[in-house]
Amino acid sequence: MASRAKDTHTTNRVFRVPDQDWEDFGRLAGERERARVLREFIAWYVRRPKATLPKRP
């Protein structure tokens, strides 16, 4: 179950991924950029208008 978000925030989601993949992803995307890249990918995947596939390093 997702936690409740404040009106100014999106709901926190649980995402399970192997530790090594998460570390490698952080190294390539940037430790503080993981969420942005995942949001961009999801928007592209569900075909939101003007969404583009995130650039790979």
N, C-alpha and C. Protein backbone atom coordinates (compact mmCIF):
# COMPACT_ATOMS: atom_id res chain seq x y z
N MET A 1 0.84 -1.18 0.00
CA MET A 1 0.00 0.00 0.00
C MET A 1 0.88 1.24 0.00
N ALA A 2 0.52 2.21 -0.80
CA ALA A 2 1.30 3.44 -0.89
C ALA A 2 1.02 4.35 0.30
N SER A 3 2.02 5.10 0.70
CA SER A 3 1.81 6.04 1.80
C SER A 3 1.07 7.27 1.30
N ARG A 4 0.44 7.97 2.21
CA ARG A 4 -0.29 9.18 1.86
C ARG A 4 0.70 10.33 1.63
N ALA A 5 0.46 11.11 0.59
CA ALA A 5 1.34 12.23 0.27
C ALA A 5 0.70 13.54 0.68
N LYS A 6 1.54 14.51 0.94
CA LYS A 6 1.04 15.86 1.16
C LYS A 6 0.49 16.37 -0.15
N ASP A 7 -0.34 17.39 -0.10
CA ASP A 7 -0.93 17.95 -1.32
C ASP A 7 0.13 18.44 -2.31
N THR A 8 1.31 18.78 -1.80
CA THR A 8 2.36 19.32 -2.66
C THR A 8 3.35 18.27 -3.14
N HIS A 9 3.13 17.01 -2.77
CA HIS A 9 4.06 15.94 -3.12
C HIS A 9 3.32 14.78 -3.79
N THR A 10 4.05 14.01 -4.58
CA THR A 10 3.48 12.79 -5.12
C THR A 10 3.56 11.70 -4.04
N THR A 11 2.77 10.68 -4.20
CA THR A 11 2.76 9.58 -3.24
C THR A 11 4.06 8.78 -3.33
N ASN A 12 4.61 8.43 -2.19
CA ASN A 12 5.82 7.61 -2.14
C ASN A 12 5.47 6.20 -2.60
N ARG A 13 6.26 5.63 -3.49
CA ARG A 13 6.05 4.27 -4.01
C ARG A 13 7.22 3.39 -3.62
N VAL A 14 6.92 2.13 -3.37
CA VAL A 14 7.97 1.16 -3.10
C VAL A 14 8.38 0.53 -4.42
N PHE A 15 9.67 0.47 -4.66
CA PHE A 15 10.20 -0.09 -5.89
C PHE A 15 11.34 -1.02 -5.51
N ARG A 16 11.19 -2.29 -5.80
CA ARG A 16 12.22 -3.27 -5.45
C ARG A 16 13.13 -3.51 -6.65
N VAL A 17 14.43 -3.43 -6.39
CA VAL A 17 15.43 -3.66 -7.43
C VAL A 17 16.67 -4.23 -6.75
N PRO A 18 17.36 -5.15 -7.39
CA PRO A 18 18.58 -5.69 -6.76
C PRO A 18 19.58 -4.58 -6.42
N ASP A 19 20.26 -4.76 -5.28
CA ASP A 19 21.19 -3.74 -4.79
C ASP A 19 22.23 -3.33 -5.83
N GLN A 20 22.83 -4.32 -6.50
CA GLN A 20 23.87 -4.00 -7.47
C GLN A 20 23.32 -3.17 -8.62
N ASP A 21 22.11 -3.49 -9.10
CA ASP A 21 21.49 -2.70 -10.17
C ASP A 21 21.22 -1.28 -9.71
N TRP A 22 20.74 -1.11 -8.47
CA TRP A 22 20.45 0.22 -7.93
C TRP A 22 21.72 1.05 -7.82
N GLU A 23 22.79 0.42 -7.35
CA GLU A 23 24.08 1.13 -7.23
C GLU A 23 24.61 1.52 -8.61
N ASP A 24 24.57 0.60 -9.57
CA ASP A 24 25.04 0.91 -10.92
C ASP A 24 24.19 2.01 -11.56
N PHE A 25 22.88 1.93 -11.35
CA PHE A 25 21.98 2.96 -11.88
C PHE A 25 22.31 4.33 -11.29
N GLY A 26 22.55 4.38 -9.98
CA GLY A 26 22.91 5.63 -9.32
C GLY A 26 24.23 6.19 -9.84
N ARG A 27 25.17 5.30 -10.09
CA ARG A 27 26.48 5.74 -10.62
C ARG A 27 26.31 6.35 -12.01
N LEU A 28 25.46 5.74 -12.84
CA LEU A 28 25.30 6.21 -14.22
C LEU A 28 24.33 7.39 -14.33
N ALA A 29 23.24 7.35 -13.59
CA ALA A 29 22.22 8.41 -13.69
C ALA A 29 22.56 9.59 -12.79
N GLY A 30 23.29 9.32 -11.73
CA GLY A 30 23.56 10.33 -10.71
C GLY A 30 22.78 9.95 -9.46
N GLU A 31 23.44 9.94 -8.34
CA GLU A 31 22.81 9.50 -7.09
C GLU A 31 21.49 10.22 -6.82
N ARG A 32 21.41 11.50 -7.17
CA ARG A 32 20.21 12.28 -6.88
C ARG A 32 19.31 12.44 -8.10
N GLU A 33 19.58 11.70 -9.16
CA GLU A 33 18.80 11.81 -10.39
C GLU A 33 18.00 10.56 -10.72
N ARG A 34 18.10 9.53 -9.89
CA ARG A 34 17.40 8.28 -10.18
C ARG A 34 15.90 8.49 -10.36
N ALA A 35 15.27 9.20 -9.43
CA ALA A 35 13.81 9.40 -9.48
C ALA A 35 13.40 10.14 -10.75
N ARG A 36 14.18 11.14 -11.15
CA ARG A 36 13.86 11.89 -12.36
C ARG A 36 13.90 10.98 -13.58
N VAL A 37 14.94 10.17 -13.68
CA VAL A 37 15.07 9.26 -14.82
C VAL A 37 13.92 8.26 -14.83
N LEU A 38 13.58 7.72 -13.68
CA LEU A 38 12.46 6.77 -13.62
C LEU A 38 11.15 7.43 -14.02
N ARG A 39 10.90 8.66 -13.55
CA ARG A 39 9.67 9.38 -13.94
C ARG A 39 9.64 9.64 -15.43
N GLU A 40 10.77 10.03 -16.02
CA GLU A 40 10.83 10.26 -17.47
C GLU A 40 10.55 8.97 -18.23
N PHE A 41 11.12 7.86 -17.76
CA PHE A 41 10.88 6.58 -18.43
C PHE A 41 9.41 6.19 -18.36
N ILE A 42 8.81 6.34 -17.19
CA ILE A 42 7.40 5.98 -17.03
C ILE A 42 6.52 6.84 -17.93
N ALA A 43 6.77 8.14 -17.99
CA ALA A 43 5.99 9.02 -18.85
C ALA A 43 6.12 8.60 -20.31
N TRP A 44 7.32 8.25 -20.74
CA TRP A 44 7.53 7.77 -22.11
C TRP A 44 6.80 6.45 -22.33
N TYR A 45 6.92 5.55 -21.38
CA TYR A 45 6.35 4.20 -21.50
C TYR A 45 4.83 4.23 -21.63
N VAL A 46 4.18 5.13 -20.88
CA VAL A 46 2.71 5.24 -20.95
C VAL A 46 2.26 6.23 -22.03
N ARG A 47 3.22 6.69 -22.82
CA ARG A 47 2.97 7.54 -23.99
C ARG A 47 2.31 8.89 -23.65
N ARG A 48 2.85 9.54 -22.65
CA ARG A 48 2.39 10.89 -22.33
C ARG A 48 2.80 11.83 -23.47
N PRO A 49 1.97 12.80 -23.78
CA PRO A 49 2.33 13.74 -24.85
C PRO A 49 3.68 14.41 -24.56
N LYS A 50 4.49 14.48 -25.57
CA LYS A 50 5.81 15.14 -25.53
C LYS A 50 6.84 14.43 -24.67
N ALA A 51 6.51 13.28 -24.11
CA ALA A 51 7.49 12.55 -23.28
C ALA A 51 8.52 11.90 -24.21
N THR A 52 9.76 11.92 -23.76
CA THR A 52 10.83 11.28 -24.53
C THR A 52 11.55 10.26 -23.66
N LEU A 53 12.11 9.28 -24.30
CA LEU A 53 12.87 8.27 -23.58
C LEU A 53 14.12 8.93 -23.00
N PRO A 54 14.40 8.71 -21.71
CA PRO A 54 15.59 9.33 -21.12
C PRO A 54 16.86 8.92 -21.86
N LYS A 55 17.80 9.82 -21.91
CA LYS A 55 19.09 9.55 -22.54
C LYS A 55 19.88 8.57 -21.67
N ARG A 56 20.54 7.63 -22.33
CA ARG A 56 21.40 6.70 -21.62
C ARG A 56 22.84 7.24 -21.65
N PRO A 57 23.59 7.02 -20.57
CA PRO A 57 24.98 7.49 -20.55
C PRO A 57 25.85 6.69 -21.51
